[in-house]
Amino acid sequence: MPLQGALVRSLTIRALRQVSVEERNVIAVWLRERIEAESEAAQVAEPATAYTNNLPPYMSLDEYFEFESKSQRRYEYVNGVIYAMTGASLAHNNIAGTLFTSFKAHLRDPCRVFITDAKLKIASATDQIIYYPDLIVACNQQEWGRDYVCNPKLVVEVLSPSTEGIDRREKAMAYRCVSSIEEYVVVEQEEPMVIVQRRAENWKHQIYAGPGAMLQLRSISLEIPLLQIYEGVL
């Protein structure tokens, strides 16, 4: 058994040497997502603490807006069920704040950038969803409601341990269904790595890794060095 393991390891290393650093990062992300998916599939149920307590099992969208307007906490809404939002780390807030500052300085009317506390409404024939992305860039102000933004062109999520699986899978699928979204950006918190998925490229992962990399956001024609994004964080 040890000999077989050593042989597999040797063949794997030899294969990895033949691909680029970017391709290795793609493989690493794929393996991580596979491991997370298999781990979650093995669980019988989500922990009870992930859900709100003492609430009806179902809320209409109007009931949700009324409930949250009176609450001191933020909740996301997915087809009638609400989920309490958890707090973010200082690193998470610093990364989101740096991106917000860069976006705000770059954008021009009619586009706006929203951070953390802005609701994103996703509506279709089958879904009614309210998320709180870390950053939203939207440009069609006449489509927004009093309590939410809809039809953005760019959505950014900064990964946290408690939300990473949802951000990578559930939210990624939901955002792909919004025809106005051109790019979905996932920002690692523990290392300088940003993953961009673009509609124009059939949502293929484009990975920007290392402090010397330059993030390209084509939806808003902006480039940002990762060194700037992670300044004071790593």
Protein backbone atom coordinates (compact mmCIF):
# COMPACT_ATOMS: atom_id res chain seq x y z
CA MET A 1 0.00 0.00 0.00
CA PRO A 2 2.78 2.53 0.83
CA LEU A 3 4.47 1.69 -2.49
CA GLN A 4 1.24 2.33 -4.39
CA GLY A 5 0.79 5.64 -2.58
CA ALA A 6 4.35 6.70 -3.41
CA LEU A 7 3.85 5.76 -7.06
CA VAL A 8 0.63 7.78 -7.30
CA ARG A 9 2.32 10.72 -5.62
CA SER A 10 5.30 10.53 -7.98
CA LEU A 11 3.08 10.36 -11.08
CA THR A 12 0.96 13.26 -9.80
CA ILE A 13 4.00 15.47 -9.20
CA ARG A 14 5.38 14.60 -12.65
CA ALA A 15 2.04 15.51 -14.27
CA LEU A 16 1.75 18.80 -12.36
CA ARG A 17 5.21 19.87 -13.54
CA GLN A 18 3.92 19.80 -17.10
CA VAL A 19 1.12 22.35 -16.52
CA SER A 20 1.27 26.07 -15.80
CA VAL A 21 0.82 27.68 -12.40
CA GLU A 22 -2.61 28.95 -13.45
CA GLU A 23 -3.69 25.44 -14.49
CA ARG A 24 -2.47 24.10 -11.14
CA ASN A 25 -4.61 26.67 -9.35
CA VAL A 26 -7.64 25.58 -11.38
CA ILE A 27 -7.00 21.96 -10.35
CA ALA A 28 -6.59 23.00 -6.69
CA VAL A 29 -9.90 24.90 -6.72
CA TRP A 30 -11.70 21.97 -8.37
CA LEU A 31 -10.32 19.50 -5.80
CA ARG A 32 -11.31 21.77 -2.92
CA GLU A 33 -14.86 22.11 -4.22
CA ARG A 34 -15.13 18.33 -4.73
CA ILE A 35 -13.97 17.65 -1.17
CA GLU A 36 -16.41 20.21 0.26
CA ALA A 37 -19.30 18.82 -1.80
CA GLU A 38 -18.61 15.23 -0.71
CA SER A 39 -18.24 16.32 2.92
CA GLU A 40 -21.58 18.13 2.87
CA ALA A 41 -23.30 15.22 1.12
CA ALA A 42 -22.19 12.91 3.93
CA GLN A 43 -23.91 15.02 6.55
CA VAL A 44 -27.47 14.13 7.54
CA ALA A 45 -28.61 17.72 8.06
CA GLU A 46 -27.41 21.26 8.57
CA PRO A 47 -26.74 22.29 12.18
CA ALA A 48 -29.85 23.75 13.79
CA THR A 49 -27.96 26.94 14.63
CA ALA A 50 -27.69 27.76 10.92
CA TYR A 51 -31.39 28.57 10.89
CA THR A 52 -33.38 31.20 12.68
CA ASN A 53 -35.38 30.13 15.71
CA ASN A 54 -38.95 30.91 16.72
CA LEU A 55 -39.94 31.93 13.21
CA PRO A 56 -42.62 30.57 10.89
CA PRO A 57 -41.33 27.90 8.48
CA TYR A 58 -42.34 30.07 5.54
CA MET A 59 -42.55 33.83 4.88
CA SER A 60 -43.82 35.70 1.87
CA LEU A 61 -41.43 38.27 0.44
CA ASP A 62 -43.52 41.13 1.86
CA GLU A 63 -43.50 39.47 5.29
CA TYR A 64 -39.73 39.11 5.06
CA PHE A 65 -39.24 42.81 4.26
CA GLU A 66 -41.48 43.80 7.17
CA PHE A 67 -39.79 41.37 9.56
CA GLU A 68 -36.27 42.46 8.66
CA SER A 69 -37.10 46.17 8.88
CA LYS A 70 -37.79 45.61 12.57
CA SER A 71 -34.84 43.30 13.23
CA GLN A 72 -31.37 44.23 14.41
CA ARG A 73 -29.92 41.34 12.42
CA ARG A 74 -29.67 40.75 8.70
CA TYR A 75 -31.34 37.78 7.05
CA GLU A 76 -31.14 36.30 3.58
CA TYR A 77 -34.31 34.97 1.99
CA VAL A 78 -34.55 31.92 -0.30
CA ASN A 79 -37.99 30.95 -1.56
CA GLY A 80 -39.81 31.60 1.68
CA VAL A 81 -37.11 30.53 4.15
CA ILE A 82 -34.87 33.04 5.94
CA TYR A 83 -31.30 32.54 7.15
CA ALA A 84 -29.48 34.67 9.71
CA MET A 85 -26.28 36.35 8.55
CA THR A 86 -23.14 35.86 10.63
CA GLY A 87 -20.56 38.51 11.49
CA ALA A 88 -17.44 39.04 9.38
CA SER A 89 -13.77 39.09 10.37
CA LEU A 90 -11.57 42.18 10.24
CA ALA A 91 -9.73 40.73 7.24
CA HIS A 92 -13.04 40.19 5.46
CA ASN A 93 -14.10 43.79 6.15
CA ASN A 94 -10.73 45.21 5.07
CA ILE A 95 -10.79 43.37 1.74
CA ALA A 96 -14.38 44.38 1.01
CA GLY A 97 -13.65 47.98 2.05
CA THR A 98 -10.61 48.23 -0.23
CA LEU A 99 -12.58 46.92 -3.19
CA PHE A 100 -15.45 49.29 -2.43
CA THR A 101 -13.10 52.29 -2.40
CA SER A 102 -11.51 51.25 -5.71
CA PHE A 103 -14.90 50.67 -7.36
CA LYS A 104 -16.37 53.93 -6.10
CA ALA A 105 -13.43 56.00 -7.35
CA HIS A 106 -13.61 54.34 -10.77
CA LEU A 107 -17.34 54.14 -11.51
CA ARG A 108 -19.35 56.87 -13.20
CA ASP A 109 -23.09 57.51 -13.50
CA PRO A 110 -25.39 55.70 -13.78
CA CYS A 111 -23.45 52.85 -12.13
CA ARG A 112 -23.21 52.52 -8.35
CA VAL A 113 -21.34 50.21 -6.00
CA PHE A 114 -23.03 48.85 -2.87
CA ILE A 115 -21.34 47.12 0.06
CA THR A 116 -22.47 44.53 2.64
CA ASP A 117 -25.81 45.96 3.79
CA ALA A 118 -27.41 46.26 0.34
CA LYS A 119 -29.97 43.61 -0.54
CA LEU A 120 -29.82 41.95 -3.96
CA LYS A 121 -33.17 40.70 -5.23
CA ILE A 122 -33.24 37.77 -7.66
CA ALA A 123 -36.67 37.02 -9.11
CA SER A 124 -37.70 34.46 -11.71
CA ALA A 125 -40.62 32.21 -12.52
CA THR A 126 -39.36 29.69 -9.96
CA ASP A 127 -37.31 31.68 -7.43
CA GLN A 128 -37.65 34.60 -5.06
CA ILE A 129 -34.27 35.28 -3.42
CA ILE A 130 -32.73 38.07 -1.37
CA TYR A 131 -28.97 37.90 -0.81
CA TYR A 132 -26.52 40.25 0.87
CA PRO A 133 -23.42 40.09 -1.38
CA ASP A 134 -20.28 41.76 -0.12
CA LEU A 135 -20.22 44.06 -3.16
CA ILE A 136 -22.68 44.81 -5.95
CA VAL A 137 -22.22 47.00 -9.01
CA ALA A 138 -25.50 47.92 -10.70
CA CYS A 139 -26.39 50.54 -13.28
CA ASN A 140 -30.16 50.45 -13.99
CA GLN A 141 -31.47 52.60 -11.16
CA GLN A 142 -35.04 52.65 -12.46
CA GLU A 143 -35.25 48.91 -11.75
CA TRP A 144 -34.29 49.16 -8.07
CA GLY A 145 -36.78 49.01 -5.24
CA ARG A 146 -36.83 51.02 -2.05
CA ASP A 147 -35.28 48.14 -0.10
CA TYR A 148 -33.17 46.35 -2.69
CA VAL A 149 -31.02 46.45 -5.82
CA CYS A 150 -31.64 44.13 -8.75
CA ASN A 151 -30.09 43.28 -12.12
CA PRO A 152 -26.44 44.09 -11.28
CA LYS A 153 -23.55 43.59 -13.68
CA LEU A 154 -20.93 42.54 -11.10
CA VAL A 155 -21.23 40.63 -7.81
CA VAL A 156 -18.36 40.03 -5.35
CA GLU A 157 -18.25 37.64 -2.39
CA VAL A 158 -15.35 37.57 0.09
CA LEU A 159 -15.11 34.00 1.37
CA SER A 160 -15.57 33.17 5.05
CA PRO A 161 -15.36 29.70 6.63
CA SER A 162 -19.08 29.69 7.47
CA THR A 163 -20.26 30.77 3.99
CA GLU A 164 -17.60 29.43 1.61
CA GLY A 165 -19.60 26.42 0.44
CA ILE A 166 -22.73 28.50 -0.21
CA ASP A 167 -20.76 31.22 -2.03
CA ARG A 168 -18.97 28.73 -4.28
CA ARG A 169 -22.00 26.65 -5.24
CA GLU A 170 -25.51 27.84 -4.31
CA LYS A 171 -24.89 31.53 -4.91
CA ALA A 172 -22.76 30.91 -7.98
CA MET A 173 -25.66 29.02 -9.58
CA ALA A 174 -28.19 31.69 -8.57
CA TYR A 175 -26.06 34.51 -9.98
CA ARG A 176 -25.65 32.72 -13.30
CA CYS A 177 -29.43 32.85 -13.70
CA VAL A 178 -29.43 36.67 -13.56
CA SER A 179 -29.00 37.72 -17.17
CA SER A 180 -27.50 41.12 -16.31
CA ILE A 181 -24.59 39.67 -14.29
CA GLU A 182 -21.44 39.64 -16.40
CA GLU A 183 -18.96 38.59 -13.72
CA TYR A 184 -19.09 36.76 -10.39
CA VAL A 185 -15.99 37.30 -8.25
CA VAL A 186 -14.92 35.17 -5.28
CA VAL A 187 -12.14 36.56 -3.09
CA GLU A 188 -10.12 34.29 -0.80
CA GLN A 189 -9.55 35.68 2.67
CA GLU A 190 -6.60 33.55 3.79
CA GLU A 191 -4.36 33.94 0.73
CA PRO A 192 -3.98 36.33 -2.21
CA MET A 193 -6.29 34.63 -4.69
CA VAL A 194 -9.30 35.92 -6.59
CA ILE A 195 -11.47 33.74 -8.84
CA VAL A 196 -13.53 35.39 -11.56
CA GLN A 197 -16.33 33.66 -13.46
CA ARG A 198 -17.55 35.42 -16.60
CA ARG A 199 -20.76 34.90 -18.54
CA ALA A 200 -18.93 35.61 -21.80
CA GLU A 201 -16.59 32.68 -21.03
CA ASN A 202 -19.35 30.26 -20.00
CA TRP A 203 -18.48 30.81 -16.31
CA LYS A 204 -15.03 29.26 -16.62
CA HIS A 205 -12.83 29.98 -13.59
CA GLN A 206 -10.17 32.65 -14.20
CA ILE A 207 -7.74 32.61 -11.27
CA TYR A 208 -5.56 35.52 -10.20
CA ALA A 209 -3.10 34.38 -7.52
CA GLY A 210 -0.10 35.82 -5.71
CA PRO A 211 0.64 39.37 -4.56
CA GLY A 212 2.10 40.25 -7.97
CA ALA A 213 -1.08 39.39 -9.90
CA MET A 214 -3.36 42.00 -11.42
CA LEU A 215 -7.11 41.42 -11.10
CA GLN A 216 -9.05 42.20 -14.28
CA LEU A 217 -12.72 43.12 -13.95
CA ARG A 218 -13.92 43.42 -17.52
CA SER A 219 -17.52 44.20 -16.60
CA ILE A 220 -16.44 47.59 -15.22
CA SER A 221 -13.13 47.98 -17.13
CA LEU A 222 -11.00 48.04 -13.99
CA GLU A 223 -7.68 46.47 -13.02
CA ILE A 224 -6.55 46.20 -9.38
CA PRO A 225 -3.27 44.71 -8.06
CA LEU A 226 -3.85 41.91 -5.57
CA LEU A 227 -1.16 43.55 -3.45
CA GLN A 228 -3.55 46.49 -3.04
CA ILE A 229 -6.57 44.30 -2.30
CA TYR A 230 -4.75 42.44 0.49
CA GLU A 231 -2.81 45.40 1.89
CA GLY A 232 -2.71 45.17 5.67
CA VAL A 233 -4.48 41.80 5.64
CA LEU A 234 -1.83 39.13 4.95
